[in-house]
Amino acid sequence: MGLPARARCPRVGVRRAEGAIELRFTGPGCEARIDVDLALLGPQADAEEAELRLLVRLRELGYAVTRLPPEE
């Protein structure tokens, strides 16, 4: 599965949730959500570090990135 096209979904919000990192892509006529299971990163993975790396990488790919507040 790939990321939504930047031209269609130029904005993405990222946050850690229970057992996952949520990516919420938005744009004109676009609303897509991708959940990345933290278990895929291995048992020793640091969830906050993974979230921050993802924020940086998405920005490098040209998305307008924001960090969303934690899930309540």
PDB file of N, CA and C in Angstrom:
ATOM      1  N   MET A   1       0.848  -1.175   0.000  1.00  0.00           N
ATOM      2  CA  MET A   1       0.000   0.000   0.000  1.00  0.00           C
ATOM      3  C   MET A   1       0.887   1.228   0.000  1.00  0.00           C
ATOM      4  N   GLY A   2       0.594   2.167  -0.861  1.00  0.00           N
ATOM      5  CA  GLY A   2       1.370   3.391  -0.934  1.00  0.00           C
ATOM      6  C   GLY A   2       0.641   4.541  -0.255  1.00  0.00           C
ATOM      7  N   LEU A   3       1.319   5.677  -0.226  1.00  0.00           N
ATOM      8  CA  LEU A   3       0.730   6.882   0.348  1.00  0.00           C
ATOM      9  C   LEU A   3      -0.166   7.545  -0.684  1.00  0.00           C
ATOM     10  N   PRO A   4      -1.185   8.281  -0.236  1.00  0.00           N
ATOM     11  CA  PRO A   4      -2.027   9.019  -1.182  1.00  0.00           C
ATOM     12  C   PRO A   4      -1.188  10.050  -1.944  1.00  0.00           C
ATOM     13  N   ALA A   5      -1.577  10.336  -3.178  1.00  0.00           N
ATOM     14  CA  ALA A   5      -0.853  11.309  -4.002  1.00  0.00           C
ATOM     15  C   ALA A   5      -0.854  12.675  -3.325  1.00  0.00           C
ATOM     16  N   ARG A   6       0.311  13.307  -3.303  1.00  0.00           N
ATOM     17  CA  ARG A   6       0.451  14.627  -2.685  1.00  0.00           C
ATOM     18  C   ARG A   6      -0.458  15.661  -3.337  1.00  0.00           C
ATOM     19  N   ALA A   7      -0.641  15.579  -4.641  1.00  0.00           N
ATOM     20  CA  ALA A   7      -1.484  16.547  -5.340  1.00  0.00           C
ATOM     21  C   ALA A   7      -2.937  16.458  -4.874  1.00  0.00           C
ATOM     22  N   ARG A   8      -3.355  15.272  -4.501  1.00  0.00           N
ATOM     23  CA  ARG A   8      -4.733  15.042  -4.051  1.00  0.00           C
ATOM     24  C   ARG A   8      -4.899  15.222  -2.552  1.00  0.00           C
ATOM     25  N   CYS A   9      -3.908  14.794  -1.789  1.00  0.00           N
ATOM     26  CA  CYS A   9      -3.941  14.840  -0.318  1.00  0.00           C
ATOM     27  C   CYS A   9      -2.651  15.504   0.192  1.00  0.00           C
ATOM     28  N   PRO A  10      -2.546  16.821   0.096  1.00  0.00           N
ATOM     29  CA  PRO A  10      -1.279  17.477   0.433  1.00  0.00           C
ATOM     30  C   PRO A  10      -0.988  17.607   1.933  1.00  0.00           C
ATOM     31  N   ARG A  11      -1.990  17.430   2.778  1.00  0.00           N
ATOM     32  CA  ARG A  11      -1.793  17.605   4.218  1.00  0.00           C
ATOM     33  C   ARG A  11      -1.901  16.268   4.935  1.00  0.00           C
ATOM     34  N   VAL A  12      -1.070  16.103   5.962  1.00  0.00           N
ATOM     35  CA  VAL A  12      -1.134  14.884   6.760  1.00  0.00           C
ATOM     36  C   VAL A  12      -0.931  15.224   8.231  1.00  0.00           C
ATOM     37  N   GLY A  13      -1.778  14.676   9.078  1.00  0.00           N
ATOM     38  CA  GLY A  13      -1.638  14.779  10.529  1.00  0.00           C
ATOM     39  C   GLY A  13      -1.151  13.437  11.054  1.00  0.00           C
ATOM     40  N   VAL A  14      -0.235  13.491  12.015  1.00  0.00           N
ATOM     41  CA  VAL A  14       0.372  12.268  12.553  1.00  0.00           C
ATOM     42  C   VAL A  14       0.239  12.271  14.072  1.00  0.00           C
ATOM     43  N   ARG A  15      -0.086  11.111  14.628  1.00  0.00           N
ATOM     44  CA  ARG A  15      -0.096  10.982  16.089  1.00  0.00           C
ATOM     45  C   ARG A  15       0.034   9.519  16.489  1.00  0.00           C
ATOM     46  N   ARG A  16       0.518   9.342  17.716  1.00  0.00           N
ATOM     47  CA  ARG A  16       0.570   8.003  18.299  1.00  0.00           C
ATOM     48  C   ARG A  16      -0.781   7.684  18.912  1.00  0.00           C
ATOM     49  N   ALA A  17      -1.212   6.473  18.708  1.00  0.00           N
ATOM     50  CA  ALA A  17      -2.448   5.982  19.314  1.00  0.00           C
ATOM     51  C   ALA A  17      -2.103   4.669  19.996  1.00  0.00           C
ATOM     52  N   GLU A  18      -3.071   4.031  20.555  1.00  0.00           N
ATOM     53  CA  GLU A  18      -2.857   2.759  21.237  1.00  0.00           C
ATOM     54  C   GLU A  18      -2.366   1.708  20.243  1.00  0.00           C
ATOM     55  N   GLY A  19      -1.085   1.368  20.317  1.00  0.00           N
ATOM     56  CA  GLY A  19      -0.508   0.320  19.481  1.00  0.00           C
ATOM     57  C   GLY A  19      -0.264   0.676  18.032  1.00  0.00           C
ATOM     58  N   ALA A  20      -0.398   1.963  17.684  1.00  0.00           N
ATOM     59  CA  ALA A  20      -0.234   2.347  16.285  1.00  0.00           C
ATOM     60  C   ALA A  20       0.188   3.810  16.151  1.00  0.00           C
ATOM     61  N   ILE A  21       0.605   4.156  14.957  1.00  0.00           N
ATOM     62  CA  ILE A  21       0.797   5.554  14.590  1.00  0.00           C
ATOM     63  C   ILE A  21      -0.237   5.833  13.512  1.00  0.00           C
ATOM     64  N   GLU A  22      -1.048   6.862  13.735  1.00  0.00           N
ATOM     65  CA  GLU A  22      -2.108   7.223  12.793  1.00  0.00           C
ATOM     66  C   GLU A  22      -1.607   8.288  11.830  1.00  0.00           C
ATOM     67  N   LEU A  23      -1.917   8.097  10.553  1.00  0.00           N
ATOM     68  CA  LEU A  23      -1.651   9.095   9.519  1.00  0.00           C
ATOM     69  C   LEU A  23      -3.003   9.491   8.944  1.00  0.00           C
ATOM     70  N   ARG A  24      -3.318  10.775   8.990  1.00  0.00           N
ATOM     71  CA  ARG A  24      -4.598  11.255   8.459  1.00  0.00           C
ATOM     72  C   ARG A  24      -4.306  12.243   7.333  1.00  0.00           C
ATOM     73  N   PHE A  25      -4.521  11.796   6.113  1.00  0.00           N
ATOM     74  CA  PHE A  25      -4.277  12.604   4.922  1.00  0.00           C
ATOM     75  C   PHE A  25      -5.546  13.348   4.548  1.00  0.00           C
ATOM     76  N   THR A  26      -5.412  14.644   4.199  1.00  0.00           N
ATOM     77  CA  THR A  26      -6.560  15.448   3.801  1.00  0.00           C
ATOM     78  C   THR A  26      -6.182  16.346   2.635  1.00  0.00           C
ATOM     79  N   GLY A  27      -7.200  16.767   1.927  1.00  0.00           N
ATOM     80  CA  GLY A  27      -7.039  17.672   0.803  1.00  0.00           C
ATOM     81  C   GLY A  27      -8.383  17.841   0.127  1.00  0.00           C
ATOM     82  N   PRO A  28      -8.408  18.568  -0.990  1.00  0.00           N
ATOM     83  CA  PRO A  28      -9.669  18.757  -1.714  1.00  0.00           C
ATOM     84  C   PRO A  28     -10.219  17.407  -2.183  1.00  0.00           C
ATOM     85  N   GLY A  29     -11.349  17.027  -1.666  1.00  0.00           N
ATOM     86  CA  GLY A  29     -11.963  15.771  -2.054  1.00  0.00           C
ATOM     87  C   GLY A  29     -11.210  14.541  -1.582  1.00  0.00           C
ATOM     88  N   CYS A  30     -10.379  14.691  -0.567  1.00  0.00           N
ATOM     89  CA  CYS A  30      -9.569  13.564  -0.101  1.00  0.00           C
ATOM     90  C   CYS A  30      -9.590  13.485   1.414  1.00  0.00           C
ATOM     91  N   GLU A  31      -9.840  12.308   1.898  1.00  0.00           N
ATOM     92  CA  GLU A  31      -9.704  12.030   3.323  1.00  0.00           C
ATOM     93  C   GLU A  31      -9.324  10.557   3.438  1.00  0.00           C
ATOM     94  N   ALA A  32      -8.096  10.311   3.886  1.00  0.00           N
ATOM     95  CA  ALA A  32      -7.605   8.934   3.985  1.00  0.00           C
ATOM     96  C   ALA A  32      -6.885   8.753   5.310  1.00  0.00           C
ATOM     97  N   ARG A  33      -7.035   7.576   5.877  1.00  0.00           N
ATOM     98  CA  ARG A  33      -6.366   7.270   7.148  1.00  0.00           C
ATOM     99  C   ARG A  33      -5.582   5.972   6.987  1.00  0.00           C
ATOM    100  N   ILE A  34      -4.355   6.014   7.480  1.00  0.00           N
ATOM    101  CA  ILE A  34      -3.510   4.824   7.496  1.00  0.00           C
ATOM    102  C   ILE A  34      -3.024   4.642   8.923  1.00  0.00           C
ATOM    103  N   ASP A  35      -3.195   3.450   9.471  1.00  0.00           N
ATOM    104  CA  ASP A  35      -2.686   3.120  10.797  1.00  0.00           C
ATOM    105  C   ASP A  35      -1.484   2.196  10.629  1.00  0.00           C
ATOM    106  N   VAL A  36      -0.366   2.588  11.226  1.00  0.00           N
ATOM    107  CA  VAL A  36       0.853   1.774  11.170  1.00  0.00           C
ATOM    108  C   VAL A  36       0.971   1.050  12.507  1.00  0.00           C
ATOM    109  N   ASP A  37       0.876  -0.255  12.488  1.00  0.00           N
ATOM    110  CA  ASP A  37       0.945  -1.072  13.693  1.00  0.00           C
ATOM    111  C   ASP A  37       2.354  -1.001  14.283  1.00  0.00           C
ATOM    112  N   LEU A  38       2.464  -0.566  15.532  1.00  0.00           N
ATOM    113  CA  LEU A  38       3.774  -0.442  16.178  1.00  0.00           C
ATOM    114  C   LEU A  38       4.468  -1.788  16.340  1.00  0.00           C
ATOM    115  N   ALA A  39       3.721  -2.875  16.337  1.00  0.00           N
ATOM    116  CA  ALA A  39       4.322  -4.202  16.448  1.00  0.00           C
ATOM    117  C   ALA A  39       5.232  -4.490  15.255  1.00  0.00           C
ATOM    118  N   LEU A  40       4.975  -3.837  14.118  1.00  0.00           N
ATOM    119  CA  LEU A  40       5.817  -4.022  12.934  1.00  0.00           C
ATOM    120  C   LEU A  40       7.225  -3.475  13.140  1.00  0.00           C
ATOM    121  N   LEU A  41       7.385  -2.591  14.122  1.00  0.00           N
ATOM    122  CA  LEU A  41       8.689  -1.969  14.379  1.00  0.00           C
ATOM    123  C   LEU A  41       9.561  -2.806  15.311  1.00  0.00           C
ATOM    124  N   GLY A  42       8.995  -3.846  15.866  1.00  0.00           N
ATOM    125  CA  GLY A  42       9.757  -4.715  16.758  1.00  0.00           C
ATOM    126  C   GLY A  42       9.521  -4.381  18.215  1.00  0.00           C
ATOM    127  N   PRO A  43       9.849  -5.310  19.109  1.00  0.00           N
ATOM    128  CA  PRO A  43       9.544  -5.142  20.536  1.00  0.00           C
ATOM    129  C   PRO A  43      10.368  -4.045  21.220  1.00  0.00           C
ATOM    130  N   GLN A  44      11.513  -3.711  20.701  1.00  0.00           N
ATOM    131  CA  GLN A  44      12.372  -2.709  21.335  1.00  0.00           C
ATOM    132  C   GLN A  44      12.194  -1.313  20.729  1.00  0.00           C
ATOM    133  N   ALA A  45      11.279  -1.148  19.804  1.00  0.00           N
ATOM    134  CA  ALA A  45      11.087   0.122  19.106  1.00  0.00           C
ATOM    135  C   ALA A  45      10.561   1.203  20.053  1.00  0.00           C
ATOM    136  N   ASP A  46      11.021   2.400  19.836  1.00  0.00           N
ATOM    137  CA  ASP A  46      10.576   3.571  20.591  1.00  0.00           C
ATOM    138  C   ASP A  46       9.483   4.254  19.770  1.00  0.00           C
ATOM    139  N   ALA A  47       8.247   4.235  20.256  1.00  0.00           N
ATOM    140  CA  ALA A  47       7.104   4.763  19.515  1.00  0.00           C
ATOM    141  C   ALA A  47       7.244   6.251  19.217  1.00  0.00           C
ATOM    142  N   GLU A  48       7.730   7.027  20.178  1.00  0.00           N
ATOM    143  CA  GLU A  48       7.883   8.467  19.953  1.00  0.00           C
ATOM    144  C   GLU A  48       8.935   8.740  18.889  1.00  0.00           C
ATOM    145  N   GLU A  49      10.040   8.021  18.946  1.00  0.00           N
ATOM    146  CA  GLU A  49      11.084   8.192  17.933  1.00  0.00           C
ATOM    147  C   GLU A  49      10.547   7.845  16.542  1.00  0.00           C
ATOM    148  N   ALA A  50       9.794   6.764  16.451  1.00  0.00           N
ATOM    149  CA  ALA A  50       9.211   6.359  15.167  1.00  0.00           C
ATOM    150  C   ALA A  50       8.261   7.434  14.640  1.00  0.00           C
ATOM    151  N   GLU A  51       7.468   8.011  15.526  1.00  0.00           N
ATOM    152  CA  GLU A  51       6.542   9.068  15.127  1.00  0.00           C
ATOM    153  C   GLU A  51       7.293  10.281  14.598  1.00  0.00           C
ATOM    154  N   LEU A  52       8.338  10.688  15.303  1.00  0.00           N
ATOM    155  CA  LEU A  52       9.106  11.858  14.885  1.00  0.00           C
ATOM    156  C   LEU A  52       9.825  11.613  13.558  1.00  0.00           C
ATOM    157  N   ARG A  53      10.380  10.422  13.378  1.00  0.00           N
ATOM    158  CA  ARG A  53      11.033  10.096  12.105  1.00  0.00           C
ATOM    159  C   ARG A  53      10.025  10.133  10.953  1.00  0.00           C
ATOM    160  N   LEU A  54       8.844   9.649  11.214  1.00  0.00           N
ATOM    161  CA  LEU A  54       7.805   9.657  10.200  1.00  0.00           C
ATOM    162  C   LEU A  54       7.394  11.085   9.843  1.00  0.00           C
ATOM    163  N   LEU A  55       7.271  11.947  10.835  1.00  0.00           N
ATOM    164  CA  LEU A  55       6.967  13.359  10.571  1.00  0.00           C
ATOM    165  C   LEU A  55       8.008  13.974   9.643  1.00  0.00           C
ATOM    166  N   VAL A  56       9.270  13.734   9.938  1.00  0.00           N
ATOM    167  CA  VAL A  56      10.364  14.285   9.130  1.00  0.00           C
ATOM    168  C   VAL A  56      10.316  13.726   7.709  1.00  0.00           C
ATOM    169  N   ARG A  57      10.132  12.416   7.581  1.00  0.00           N
ATOM    170  CA  ARG A  57      10.135  11.786   6.254  1.00  0.00           C
ATOM    171  C   ARG A  57       8.974  12.276   5.395  1.00  0.00           C
ATOM    172  N   LEU A  58       7.799  12.419   5.987  1.00  0.00           N
ATOM    173  CA  LEU A  58       6.657  12.920   5.232  1.00  0.00           C
ATOM    174  C   LEU A  58       6.885  14.352   4.772  1.00  0.00           C
ATOM    175  N   ARG A  59       7.514  15.166   5.604  1.00  0.00           N
ATOM    176  CA  ARG A  59       7.851  16.540   5.217  1.00  0.00           C
ATOM    177  C   ARG A  59       8.841  16.527   4.057  1.00  0.00           C
ATOM    178  N   GLU A  60       9.838  15.640   4.119  1.00  0.00           N
ATOM    179  CA  GLU A  60      10.815  15.516   3.030  1.00  0.00           C
ATOM    180  C   GLU A  60      10.125  15.122   1.717  1.00  0.00           C
ATOM    181  N   LEU A  61       9.061  14.339   1.814  1.00  0.00           N
ATOM    182  CA  LEU A  61       8.318  13.918   0.628  1.00  0.00           C
ATOM    183  C   LEU A  61       7.402  15.019   0.090  1.00  0.00           C
ATOM    184  N   GLY A  62       7.311  16.145   0.800  1.00  0.00           N
ATOM    185  CA  GLY A  62       6.558  17.296   0.324  1.00  0.00           C
ATOM    186  C   GLY A  62       5.177  17.483   0.902  1.00  0.00           C
ATOM    187  N   TYR A  63       4.785  16.678   1.863  1.00  0.00           N
ATOM    188  CA  TYR A  63       3.487  16.854   2.515  1.00  0.00           C
ATOM    189  C   TYR A  63       3.565  17.992   3.528  1.00  0.00           C
ATOM    190  N   ALA A  64       2.437  18.671   3.756  1.00  0.00           N
ATOM    191  CA  ALA A  64       2.313  19.662   4.832  1.00  0.00           C
ATOM    192  C   ALA A  64       1.952  18.852   6.081  1.00  0.00           C
ATOM    193  N   VAL A  65       2.888  18.751   7.019  1.00  0.00           N
ATOM    194  CA  VAL A  65       2.755  17.836   8.143  1.00  0.00           C
ATOM    195  C   VAL A  65       2.434  18.564   9.444  1.00  0.00           C
ATOM    196  N   THR A  66       1.514  17.999  10.213  1.00  0.00           N
ATOM    197  CA  THR A  66       1.234  18.488  11.560  1.00  0.00           C
ATOM    198  C   THR A  66       1.206  17.307  12.515  1.00  0.00           C
ATOM    199  N   ARG A  67       1.557  17.589  13.746  1.00  0.00           N
ATOM    200  CA  ARG A  67       1.496  16.562  14.788  1.00  0.00           C
ATOM    201  C   ARG A  67       0.183  16.751  15.520  1.00  0.00           C
ATOM    202  N   LEU A  68      -0.660  15.741  15.476  1.00  0.00           N
ATOM    203  CA  LEU A  68      -1.980  15.814  16.092  1.00  0.00           C
ATOM    204  C   LEU A  68      -1.884  15.550  17.595  1.00  0.00           C
ATOM    205  N   PRO A  69      -2.835  16.067  18.376  1.00  0.00           N
ATOM    206  CA  PRO A  69      -2.840  15.792  19.813  1.00  0.00           C
ATOM    207  C   PRO A  69      -3.087  14.305  20.061  1.00  0.00           C
ATOM    208  N   PRO A  70      -2.623  13.813  21.197  1.00  0.00           N
ATOM    209  CA  PRO A  70      -2.807  12.392  21.519  1.00  0.00           C
ATOM    210  C   PRO A  70      -4.274  11.988  21.526  1.00  0.00           C
ATOM    211  N   GLU A  71      -4.512  10.741  21.246  1.00  0.00           N
ATOM    212  CA  GLU A  71      -5.865  10.199  21.265  1.00  0.00           C
ATOM    213  C   GLU A  71      -6.382  10.172  22.690  1.00  0.00           C
ATOM    214  N   GLU A  72      -7.632  10.544  22.884  1.00  0.00           N
ATOM    215  CA  GLU A  72      -8.219  10.543  24.234  1.00  0.00           C
ATOM    216  C   GLU A  72      -9.011   9.299  24.481  1.00  0.00           C
TER     217      GLU A  72
END
